[in-house]
Amino acid sequence: MMSDRNIRHGYGYSDDEVGYAKFMRHMKSFADALMHEYSLARNIPMNSVLSSLVSECKSRAATIPKLLDEYNWVKFNA
């Protein structure tokens, strides 16, 4: 997610350091909202969100950034 130009451009961010910083802040906000909404929708505690998301998405991601990377890659490259 951090270095994929197609993903950054898909979200409308430039290739310079400002675009990168804005993109990373956007991904942080996206991850926070995703985890919160998923927790509420599935009625599970926040500390169980990652493992539940990984299982539901049939992913092997060990972190939220990796899970978002997989999602974004499919969204903008597949």
PDB file of N, CA and C in Angstrom:
ATOM      1  N   MET A   1       0.827  -1.185   0.000  1.00  0.00           N
ATOM      2  CA  MET A   1       0.000   0.000   0.000  1.00  0.00           C
ATOM      3  C   MET A   1       0.868   1.244   0.000  1.00  0.00           C
ATOM      4  N   MET A   2       1.974   1.186   0.681  1.00  0.00           N
ATOM      5  CA  MET A   2       2.774   2.384   0.854  1.00  0.00           C
ATOM      6  C   MET A   2       3.481   2.850  -0.417  1.00  0.00           C
ATOM      7  N   SER A   3       3.781   1.928  -1.319  1.00  0.00           N
ATOM      8  CA  SER A   3       4.570   2.344  -2.477  1.00  0.00           C
ATOM      9  C   SER A   3       3.887   2.080  -3.819  1.00  0.00           C
ATOM     10  N   ASP A   4       2.647   1.674  -3.809  1.00  0.00           N
ATOM     11  CA  ASP A   4       1.968   1.348  -5.063  1.00  0.00           C
ATOM     12  C   ASP A   4       1.369   2.603  -5.682  1.00  0.00           C
ATOM     13  N   ARG A   5       1.923   2.993  -6.811  1.00  0.00           N
ATOM     14  CA  ARG A   5       1.501   4.217  -7.491  1.00  0.00           C
ATOM     15  C   ARG A   5       0.038   4.147  -7.930  1.00  0.00           C
ATOM     16  N   ASN A   6      -0.398   3.001  -8.464  1.00  0.00           N
ATOM     17  CA  ASN A   6      -1.791   2.863  -8.900  1.00  0.00           C
ATOM     18  C   ASN A   6      -2.761   3.110  -7.750  1.00  0.00           C
ATOM     19  N   ILE A   7      -2.413   2.623  -6.584  1.00  0.00           N
ATOM     20  CA  ILE A   7      -3.289   2.802  -5.419  1.00  0.00           C
ATOM     21  C   ILE A   7      -3.323   4.274  -5.016  1.00  0.00           C
ATOM     22  N   ARG A   8      -2.139   4.892  -4.871  1.00  0.00           N
ATOM     23  CA  ARG A   8      -2.109   6.317  -4.490  1.00  0.00           C
ATOM     24  C   ARG A   8      -2.874   7.158  -5.500  1.00  0.00           C
ATOM     25  N   HIS A   9      -2.652   6.917  -6.769  1.00  0.00           N
ATOM     26  CA  HIS A   9      -3.354   7.690  -7.800  1.00  0.00           C
ATOM     27  C   HIS A   9      -4.844   7.379  -7.796  1.00  0.00           C
ATOM     28  N   GLY A  10      -5.210   6.137  -7.496  1.00  0.00           N
ATOM     29  CA  GLY A  10      -6.620   5.774  -7.404  1.00  0.00           C
ATOM     30  C   GLY A  10      -7.364   6.575  -6.356  1.00  0.00           C
ATOM     31  N   TYR A  11      -6.667   6.914  -5.306  1.00  0.00           N
ATOM     32  CA  TYR A  11      -7.251   7.751  -4.258  1.00  0.00           C
ATOM     33  C   TYR A  11      -7.047   9.240  -4.523  1.00  0.00           C
ATOM     34  N   GLY A  12      -6.337   9.561  -5.593  1.00  0.00           N
ATOM     35  CA  GLY A  12      -6.158  10.964  -5.979  1.00  0.00           C
ATOM     36  C   GLY A  12      -4.969  11.657  -5.346  1.00  0.00           C
ATOM     37  N   TYR A  13      -3.967  10.892  -4.901  1.00  0.00           N
ATOM     38  CA  TYR A  13      -2.797  11.503  -4.263  1.00  0.00           C
ATOM     39  C   TYR A  13      -1.612  11.501  -5.215  1.00  0.00           C
ATOM     40  N   SER A  14      -0.790  12.528  -5.100  1.00  0.00           N
ATOM     41  CA  SER A  14       0.370  12.688  -5.978  1.00  0.00           C
ATOM     42  C   SER A  14       1.526  11.801  -5.538  1.00  0.00           C
ATOM     43  N   ASP A  15       2.580  11.760  -6.353  1.00  0.00           N
ATOM     44  CA  ASP A  15       3.748  10.929  -6.095  1.00  0.00           C
ATOM     45  C   ASP A  15       4.782  11.587  -5.188  1.00  0.00           C
ATOM     46  N   ASP A  16       4.562  12.827  -4.812  1.00  0.00           N
ATOM     47  CA  ASP A  16       5.557  13.495  -3.969  1.00  0.00           C
ATOM     48  C   ASP A  16       5.325  13.188  -2.487  1.00  0.00           C
ATOM     49  N   GLU A  17       6.204  13.741  -1.650  1.00  0.00           N
ATOM     50  CA  GLU A  17       6.114  13.449  -0.209  1.00  0.00           C
ATOM     51  C   GLU A  17       4.825  13.966   0.419  1.00  0.00           C
ATOM     52  N   VAL A  18       4.286  15.042  -0.078  1.00  0.00           N
ATOM     53  CA  VAL A  18       3.020  15.564   0.452  1.00  0.00           C
ATOM     54  C   VAL A  18       1.882  14.606   0.115  1.00  0.00           C
ATOM     55  N   GLY A  19       1.843  14.148  -1.121  1.00  0.00           N
ATOM     56  CA  GLY A  19       0.822  13.183  -1.521  1.00  0.00           C
ATOM     57  C   GLY A  19       0.915  11.902  -0.726  1.00  0.00           C
ATOM     58  N   TYR A  20       2.148  11.451  -0.501  1.00  0.00           N
ATOM     59  CA  TYR A  20       2.364  10.238   0.275  1.00  0.00           C
ATOM     60  C   TYR A  20       1.864  10.403   1.708  1.00  0.00           C
ATOM     61  N   ALA A  21       2.198  11.524   2.337  1.00  0.00           N
ATOM     62  CA  ALA A  21       1.764  11.784   3.717  1.00  0.00           C
ATOM     63  C   ALA A  21       0.234  11.866   3.796  1.00  0.00           C
ATOM     64  N   LYS A  22      -0.382  12.526   2.835  1.00  0.00           N
ATOM     65  CA  LYS A  22      -1.843  12.619   2.821  1.00  0.00           C
ATOM     66  C   LYS A  22      -2.474  11.246   2.621  1.00  0.00           C
ATOM     67  N   PHE A  23      -1.883  10.450   1.733  1.00  0.00           N
ATOM     68  CA  PHE A  23      -2.371   9.106   1.495  1.00  0.00           C
ATOM     69  C   PHE A  23      -2.289   8.271   2.762  1.00  0.00           C
ATOM     70  N   MET A  24      -1.174   8.337   3.465  1.00  0.00           N
ATOM     71  CA  MET A  24      -1.002   7.547   4.686  1.00  0.00           C
ATOM     72  C   MET A  24      -2.002   7.988   5.769  1.00  0.00           C
ATOM     73  N   ARG A  25      -2.257   9.283   5.895  1.00  0.00           N
ATOM     74  CA  ARG A  25      -3.272   9.750   6.857  1.00  0.00           C
ATOM     75  C   ARG A  25      -4.649   9.234   6.463  1.00  0.00           C
ATOM     76  N   HIS A  26      -4.942   9.242   5.170  1.00  0.00           N
ATOM     77  CA  HIS A  26      -6.221   8.727   4.679  1.00  0.00           C
ATOM     78  C   HIS A  26      -6.367   7.244   5.026  1.00  0.00           C
ATOM     79  N   MET A  27      -5.317   6.468   4.802  1.00  0.00           N
ATOM     80  CA  MET A  27      -5.363   5.035   5.107  1.00  0.00           C
ATOM     81  C   MET A  27      -5.538   4.794   6.609  1.00  0.00           C
ATOM     82  N   LYS A  28      -4.918   5.610   7.441  1.00  0.00           N
ATOM     83  CA  LYS A  28      -5.076   5.483   8.896  1.00  0.00           C
ATOM     84  C   LYS A  28      -6.526   5.740   9.282  1.00  0.00           C
ATOM     85  N   SER A  29      -7.120   6.790   8.753  1.00  0.00           N
ATOM     86  CA  SER A  29      -8.529   7.093   9.034  1.00  0.00           C
ATOM     87  C   SER A  29      -9.438   5.988   8.519  1.00  0.00           C
ATOM     88  N   PHE A  30      -9.139   5.478   7.315  1.00  0.00           N
ATOM     89  CA  PHE A  30      -9.905   4.393   6.722  1.00  0.00           C
ATOM     90  C   PHE A  30      -9.840   3.148   7.605  1.00  0.00           C
ATOM     91  N   ALA A  31      -8.647   2.808   8.068  1.00  0.00           N
ATOM     92  CA  ALA A  31      -8.463   1.626   8.922  1.00  0.00           C
ATOM     93  C   ALA A  31      -9.209   1.788  10.242  1.00  0.00           C
ATOM     94  N   ASP A  32      -9.105   2.950  10.856  1.00  0.00           N
ATOM     95  CA  ASP A  32      -9.804   3.193  12.127  1.00  0.00           C
ATOM     96  C   ASP A  32     -11.312   3.054  11.959  1.00  0.00           C
ATOM     97  N   ALA A  33     -11.850   3.650  10.899  1.00  0.00           N
ATOM     98  CA  ALA A  33     -13.297   3.579  10.646  1.00  0.00           C
ATOM     99  C   ALA A  33     -13.725   2.151  10.330  1.00  0.00           C
ATOM    100  N   LEU A  34     -12.937   1.448   9.520  1.00  0.00           N
ATOM    101  CA  LEU A  34     -13.239   0.066   9.178  1.00  0.00           C
ATOM    102  C   LEU A  34     -13.314  -0.799  10.427  1.00  0.00           C
ATOM    103  N   MET A  35     -12.318  -0.684  11.280  1.00  0.00           N
ATOM    104  CA  MET A  35     -12.282  -1.509  12.487  1.00  0.00           C
ATOM    105  C   MET A  35     -13.451  -1.191  13.412  1.00  0.00           C
ATOM    106  N   HIS A  36     -13.743   0.077  13.575  1.00  0.00           N
ATOM    107  CA  HIS A  36     -14.850   0.482  14.442  1.00  0.00           C
ATOM    108  C   HIS A  36     -16.187  -0.014  13.900  1.00  0.00           C
ATOM    109  N   GLU A  37     -16.433   0.222  12.629  1.00  0.00           N
ATOM    110  CA  GLU A  37     -17.700  -0.204  12.019  1.00  0.00           C
ATOM    111  C   GLU A  37     -17.837  -1.727  12.005  1.00  0.00           C
ATOM    112  N   TYR A  38     -16.752  -2.418  11.738  1.00  0.00           N
ATOM    113  CA  TYR A  38     -16.780  -3.880  11.728  1.00  0.00           C
ATOM    114  C   TYR A  38     -17.084  -4.407  13.128  1.00  0.00           C
ATOM    115  N   SER A  39     -16.462  -3.818  14.128  1.00  0.00           N
ATOM    116  CA  SER A  39     -16.708  -4.210  15.520  1.00  0.00           C
ATOM    117  C   SER A  39     -18.178  -4.047  15.881  1.00  0.00           C
ATOM    118  N   LEU A  40     -18.750  -2.932  15.514  1.00  0.00           N
ATOM    119  CA  LEU A  40     -20.169  -2.683  15.802  1.00  0.00           C
ATOM    120  C   LEU A  40     -21.076  -3.620  15.013  1.00  0.00           C
ATOM    121  N   ALA A  41     -20.794  -3.788  13.730  1.00  0.00           N
ATOM    122  CA  ALA A  41     -21.659  -4.611  12.876  1.00  0.00           C
ATOM    123  C   ALA A  41     -21.649  -6.082  13.281  1.00  0.00           C
ATOM    124  N   ARG A  42     -20.492  -6.570  13.729  1.00  0.00           N
ATOM    125  CA  ARG A  42     -20.370  -7.990  14.093  1.00  0.00           C
ATOM    126  C   ARG A  42     -20.522  -8.217  15.599  1.00  0.00           C
ATOM    127  N   ASN A  43     -20.636  -7.106  16.326  1.00  0.00           N
ATOM    128  CA  ASN A  43     -20.762  -7.160  17.784  1.00  0.00           C
ATOM    129  C   ASN A  43     -19.598  -7.937  18.407  1.00  0.00           C
ATOM    130  N   ILE A  44     -18.388  -7.561  17.993  1.00  0.00           N
ATOM    131  CA  ILE A  44     -17.195  -8.187  18.547  1.00  0.00           C
ATOM    132  C   ILE A  44     -16.291  -7.103  19.131  1.00  0.00           C
ATOM    133  N   PRO A  45     -15.480  -7.443  20.123  1.00  0.00           N
ATOM    134  CA  PRO A  45     -14.584  -6.442  20.711  1.00  0.00           C
ATOM    135  C   PRO A  45     -13.495  -6.014  19.727  1.00  0.00           C
ATOM    136  N   MET A  46     -13.017  -4.807  19.915  1.00  0.00           N
ATOM    137  CA  MET A  46     -11.999  -4.254  19.018  1.00  0.00           C
ATOM    138  C   MET A  46     -10.754  -5.130  18.947  1.00  0.00           C
ATOM    139  N   ASN A  47     -10.403  -5.796  20.043  1.00  0.00           N
ATOM    140  CA  ASN A  47      -9.183  -6.605  20.020  1.00  0.00           C
ATOM    141  C   ASN A  47      -9.353  -7.904  19.223  1.00  0.00           C
ATOM    142  N   SER A  48     -10.556  -8.178  18.744  1.00  0.00           N
ATOM    143  CA  SER A  48     -10.800  -9.359  17.916  1.00  0.00           C
ATOM    144  C   SER A  48     -11.060  -9.016  16.455  1.00  0.00           C
ATOM    145  N   VAL A  49     -11.079  -7.737  16.135  1.00  0.00           N
ATOM    146  CA  VAL A  49     -11.442  -7.302  14.785  1.00  0.00           C
ATOM    147  C   VAL A  49     -10.476  -7.823  13.731  1.00  0.00           C
ATOM    148  N   LEU A  50      -9.185  -7.660  13.937  1.00  0.00           N
ATOM    149  CA  LEU A  50      -8.222  -8.072  12.911  1.00  0.00           C
ATOM    150  C   LEU A  50      -8.357  -9.555  12.587  1.00  0.00           C
ATOM    151  N   SER A  51      -8.367 -10.397  13.595  1.00  0.00           N
ATOM    152  CA  SER A  51      -8.439 -11.835  13.316  1.00  0.00           C
ATOM    153  C   SER A  51      -9.749 -12.203  12.628  1.00  0.00           C
ATOM    154  N   SER A  52     -10.835 -11.553  13.006  1.00  0.00           N
ATOM    155  CA  SER A  52     -12.122 -11.825  12.377  1.00  0.00           C
ATOM    156  C   SER A  52     -12.145 -11.346  10.924  1.00  0.00           C
ATOM    157  N   LEU A  53     -11.628 -10.150  10.679  1.00  0.00           N
ATOM    158  CA  LEU A  53     -11.552  -9.618   9.316  1.00  0.00           C
ATOM    159  C   LEU A  53     -10.688 -10.511   8.430  1.00  0.00           C
ATOM    160  N   VAL A  54      -9.541 -10.903   8.934  1.00  0.00           N
ATOM    161  CA  VAL A  54      -8.628 -11.752   8.176  1.00  0.00           C
ATOM    162  C   VAL A  54      -9.309 -13.058   7.812  1.00  0.00           C
ATOM    163  N   SER A  55     -10.006 -13.630   8.761  1.00  0.00           N
ATOM    164  CA  SER A  55     -10.710 -14.884   8.510  1.00  0.00           C
ATOM    165  C   SER A  55     -11.821 -14.692   7.488  1.00  0.00           C
ATOM    166  N   GLU A  56     -12.618 -13.660   7.666  1.00  0.00           N
ATOM    167  CA  GLU A  56     -13.740 -13.408   6.757  1.00  0.00           C
ATOM    168  C   GLU A  56     -13.261 -13.108   5.336  1.00  0.00           C
ATOM    169  N   CYS A  57     -12.136 -12.425   5.223  1.00  0.00           N
ATOM    170  CA  CYS A  57     -11.593 -12.084   3.903  1.00  0.00           C
ATOM    171  C   CYS A  57     -10.735 -13.196   3.315  1.00  0.00           C
ATOM    172  N   LYS A  58     -10.571 -14.271   4.055  1.00  0.00           N
ATOM    173  CA  LYS A  58      -9.727 -15.396   3.616  1.00  0.00           C
ATOM    174  C   LYS A  58      -8.316 -14.921   3.274  1.00  0.00           C
ATOM    175  N   SER A  59      -7.776 -14.096   4.158  1.00  0.00           N
ATOM    176  CA  SER A  59      -6.456 -13.506   3.983  1.00  0.00           C
ATOM    177  C   SER A  59      -5.468 -14.167   4.939  1.00  0.00           C
ATOM    178  N   ARG A  60      -4.189 -13.935   4.683  1.00  0.00           N
ATOM    179  CA  ARG A  60      -3.135 -14.367   5.607  1.00  0.00           C
ATOM    180  C   ARG A  60      -2.460 -13.167   6.248  1.00  0.00           C
ATOM    181  N   ALA A  61      -3.047 -11.983   6.093  1.00  0.00           N
ATOM    182  CA  ALA A  61      -2.465 -10.757   6.633  1.00  0.00           C
ATOM    183  C   ALA A  61      -2.317 -10.855   8.148  1.00  0.00           C
ATOM    184  N   ALA A  62      -1.205 -10.323   8.642  1.00  0.00           N
ATOM    185  CA  ALA A  62      -0.958 -10.317  10.084  1.00  0.00           C
ATOM    186  C   ALA A  62      -1.189  -8.942  10.691  1.00  0.00           C
ATOM    187  N   THR A  63      -1.398  -7.945   9.824  1.00  0.00           N
ATOM    188  CA  THR A  63      -1.596  -6.578  10.296  1.00  0.00           C
ATOM    189  C   THR A  63      -2.703  -5.900   9.486  1.00  0.00           C
ATOM    190  N   ILE A  64      -3.263  -4.854  10.044  1.00  0.00           N
ATOM    191  CA  ILE A  64      -4.267  -4.063   9.325  1.00  0.00           C
ATOM    192  C   ILE A  64      -3.662  -3.442   8.058  1.00  0.00           C
ATOM    193  N   PRO A  65      -2.447  -2.847   8.116  1.00  0.00           N
ATOM    194  CA  PRO A  65      -1.890  -2.303   6.873  1.00  0.00           C
ATOM    195  C   PRO A  65      -1.766  -3.345   5.762  1.00  0.00           C
ATOM    196  N   LYS A  66      -1.380  -4.564   6.100  1.00  0.00           N
ATOM    197  CA  LYS A  66      -1.267  -5.606   5.070  1.00  0.00           C
ATOM    198  C   LYS A  66      -2.641  -5.968   4.518  1.00  0.00           C
ATOM    199  N   LEU A  67      -3.639  -6.042   5.383  1.00  0.00           N
ATOM    200  CA  LEU A  67      -4.998  -6.333   4.926  1.00  0.00           C
ATOM    201  C   LEU A  67      -5.496  -5.224   4.000  1.00  0.00           C
ATOM    202  N   LEU A  68      -5.234  -3.966   4.361  1.00  0.00           N
ATOM    203  CA  LEU A  68      -5.617  -2.844   3.497  1.00  0.00           C
ATOM    204  C   LEU A  68      -4.833  -2.875   2.190  1.00  0.00           C
ATOM    205  N   ASP A  69      -3.586  -3.278   2.254  1.00  0.00           N
ATOM    206  CA  ASP A  69      -2.777  -3.401   1.053  1.00  0.00           C
ATOM    207  C   ASP A  69      -3.403  -4.397   0.091  1.00  0.00           C
ATOM    208  N   GLU A  70      -3.826  -5.540   0.601  1.00  0.00           N
ATOM    209  CA  GLU A  70      -4.473  -6.551  -0.240  1.00  0.00           C
ATOM    210  C   GLU A  70      -5.769  -6.008  -0.837  1.00  0.00           C
ATOM    211  N   TYR A  71      -6.580  -5.363  -0.024  1.00  0.00           N
ATOM    212  CA  TYR A  71      -7.839  -4.777  -0.494  1.00  0.00           C
ATOM    213  C   TYR A  71      -7.579  -3.745  -1.595  1.00  0.00           C
ATOM    214  N   ASN A  72      -6.653  -2.835  -1.333  1.00  0.00           N
ATOM    215  CA  ASN A  72      -6.365  -1.775  -2.295  1.00  0.00           C
ATOM    216  C   ASN A  72      -5.759  -2.319  -3.579  1.00  0.00           C
ATOM    217  N   TRP A  73      -4.912  -3.331  -3.473  1.00  0.00           N
ATOM    218  CA  TRP A  73      -4.323  -3.904  -4.676  1.00  0.00           C
ATOM    219  C   TRP A  73      -5.426  -4.468  -5.584  1.00  0.00           C
ATOM    220  N   VAL A  74      -6.342  -5.206  -4.997  1.00  0.00           N
ATOM    221  CA  VAL A  74      -7.441  -5.767  -5.787  1.00  0.00           C
ATOM    222  C   VAL A  74      -8.298  -4.650  -6.376  1.00  0.00           C
ATOM    223  N   LYS A  75      -8.590  -3.651  -5.567  1.00  0.00           N
ATOM    224  CA  LYS A  75      -9.440  -2.543  -6.003  1.00  0.00           C
ATOM    225  C   LYS A  75      -8.847  -1.782  -7.190  1.00  0.00           C
ATOM    226  N   PHE A  76      -7.534  -1.560  -7.172  1.00  0.00           N
ATOM    227  CA  PHE A  76      -6.927  -0.696  -8.192  1.00  0.00           C
ATOM    228  C   PHE A  76      -6.064  -1.415  -9.213  1.00  0.00           C
ATOM    229  N   ASN A  77      -5.797  -2.706  -9.055  1.00  0.00           N
ATOM    230  CA  ASN A  77      -4.902  -3.404  -9.980  1.00  0.00           C
ATOM    231  C   ASN A  77      -5.517  -4.634 -10.630  1.00  0.00           C
ATOM    232  N   ALA A  78      -6.571  -5.138 -10.094  1.00  0.00           N
ATOM    233  CA  ALA A  78      -7.146  -6.388 -10.633  1.00  0.00           C
ATOM    234  C   ALA A  78      -8.093  -6.128 -11.776  1.00  0.00           C
TER     235      ALA A  78
END
